[in-house]
Amino acid sequence: MPDATQIETIETLTQAASLAAAQGEWDRVVHCYTSREALLAGMSLSPEALTRVQTLDRQIEIQARVAQAGLASLMGDAARIRQRLKGVRQGQ
């Protein structure tokens, strides 16, 4: 069973990942999860700690999906603009 410091570190890394996701700092999210994964290797969390971590993980997943949808929309907009510009250039 992990000690209190390890659990606190895992929860802190998860909270840091959540904050980074909210700020769109996806490289930092990956770093936090990589660090957390190393700590979690071979240990199990109490049901309470696991619930806290999983709740934050779900929030991060939602933030990632929202960001992906936003990027997909922006990429679609950029493709439409490129097509219009291509048509304008060909019309000249």
Protein backbone atom coordinates (compact mmCIF):
# COMPACT_ATOMS: atom_id res chain seq x y z
CA MET A 1 0.00 0.00 0.00
CA PRO A 2 1.42 3.44 -0.88
CA ASP A 3 2.26 5.86 1.89
CA ALA A 4 0.44 9.17 2.39
CA THR A 5 3.17 11.14 0.61
CA GLN A 6 2.91 9.00 -2.52
CA ILE A 7 -0.87 9.34 -2.59
CA GLU A 8 -0.58 13.10 -2.11
CA THR A 9 1.95 13.30 -4.94
CA ILE A 10 -0.31 11.27 -7.24
CA GLU A 11 -3.28 13.50 -6.44
CA THR A 12 -1.16 16.64 -6.86
CA LEU A 13 0.05 15.45 -10.27
CA THR A 14 -3.54 14.72 -11.28
CA GLN A 15 -4.67 18.18 -10.14
CA ALA A 16 -1.76 19.75 -12.02
CA ALA A 17 -2.79 17.83 -15.15
CA SER A 18 -6.35 19.10 -14.73
CA LEU A 19 -5.16 22.70 -14.45
CA ALA A 20 -2.85 22.28 -17.43
CA ALA A 21 -5.71 20.83 -19.48
CA ALA A 22 -7.92 23.78 -18.57
CA GLN A 23 -5.16 26.07 -19.84
CA GLY A 24 -4.60 24.05 -23.01
CA GLU A 25 -1.08 23.05 -21.98
CA TRP A 26 -1.27 19.52 -23.32
CA ASP A 27 2.48 18.82 -23.12
CA ARG A 28 2.29 19.54 -19.40
CA VAL A 29 -0.71 17.20 -19.09
CA VAL A 30 1.34 14.42 -20.69
CA HIS A 31 4.26 15.15 -18.36
CA CYS A 32 2.00 14.95 -15.29
CA TYR A 33 0.46 11.68 -16.43
CA THR A 34 3.87 10.19 -17.23
CA SER A 35 5.14 11.12 -13.77
CA ARG A 36 1.98 9.78 -12.16
CA GLU A 37 2.22 6.53 -14.10
CA ALA A 38 5.73 5.96 -12.76
CA LEU A 39 4.48 6.41 -9.20
CA LEU A 40 1.45 4.18 -9.72
CA ALA A 41 3.47 1.29 -11.14
CA GLY A 42 2.99 -1.66 -8.87
CA MET A 43 0.82 0.06 -6.28
CA SER A 44 -2.88 0.36 -5.66
CA LEU A 45 -4.81 3.31 -4.29
CA SER A 46 -7.45 3.26 -1.62
CA PRO A 47 -11.01 3.40 -2.96
CA GLU A 48 -11.32 7.02 -1.78
CA ALA A 49 -8.08 8.16 -3.46
CA LEU A 50 -8.97 6.23 -6.59
CA THR A 51 -12.36 7.95 -6.77
CA ARG A 52 -10.73 11.40 -6.45
CA VAL A 53 -8.17 10.63 -9.15
CA GLN A 54 -10.75 9.09 -11.50
CA THR A 55 -13.05 12.10 -11.10
CA LEU A 56 -10.26 14.42 -12.20
CA ASP A 57 -9.30 12.04 -15.01
CA ARG A 58 -12.85 12.21 -16.37
CA GLN A 59 -12.77 16.02 -16.26
CA ILE A 60 -9.46 16.03 -18.14
CA GLU A 61 -10.89 13.64 -20.72
CA ILE A 62 -13.83 15.99 -21.28
CA GLN A 63 -11.49 18.96 -21.64
CA ALA A 64 -9.41 17.02 -24.18
CA ARG A 65 -12.51 16.11 -26.20
CA VAL A 66 -13.67 19.74 -26.21
CA ALA A 67 -10.22 20.85 -27.37
CA GLN A 68 -10.20 18.20 -30.11
CA ALA A 69 -13.63 19.30 -31.31
CA GLY A 70 -12.49 22.93 -31.36
CA LEU A 71 -9.39 22.05 -33.34
CA ALA A 72 -11.38 19.97 -35.80
CA SER A 73 -13.71 22.91 -36.34
CA LEU A 74 -10.79 25.30 -36.88
CA MET A 75 -9.17 22.89 -39.32
CA GLY A 76 -12.44 22.68 -41.25
CA ASP A 77 -12.64 26.46 -41.36
CA ALA A 78 -9.04 26.67 -42.60
CA ALA A 79 -9.75 24.11 -45.34
CA ARG A 80 -12.79 26.09 -46.52
CA ILE A 81 -10.77 29.32 -46.57
CA ARG A 82 -7.98 27.63 -48.55
CA GLN A 83 -10.53 26.42 -51.09
CA ARG A 84 -11.99 29.92 -51.46
CA LEU A 85 -8.54 31.42 -51.87
CA LYS A 86 -7.67 28.80 -54.43
CA GLY A 87 -10.83 29.72 -56.35
CA VAL A 88 -10.01 33.42 -56.17
CA ARG A 89 -6.47 32.81 -57.46
CA GLN A 90 -7.73 30.67 -60.33
CA GLY A 91 -10.29 33.31 -61.24
CA GLN A 92 -7.65 36.01 -61.69
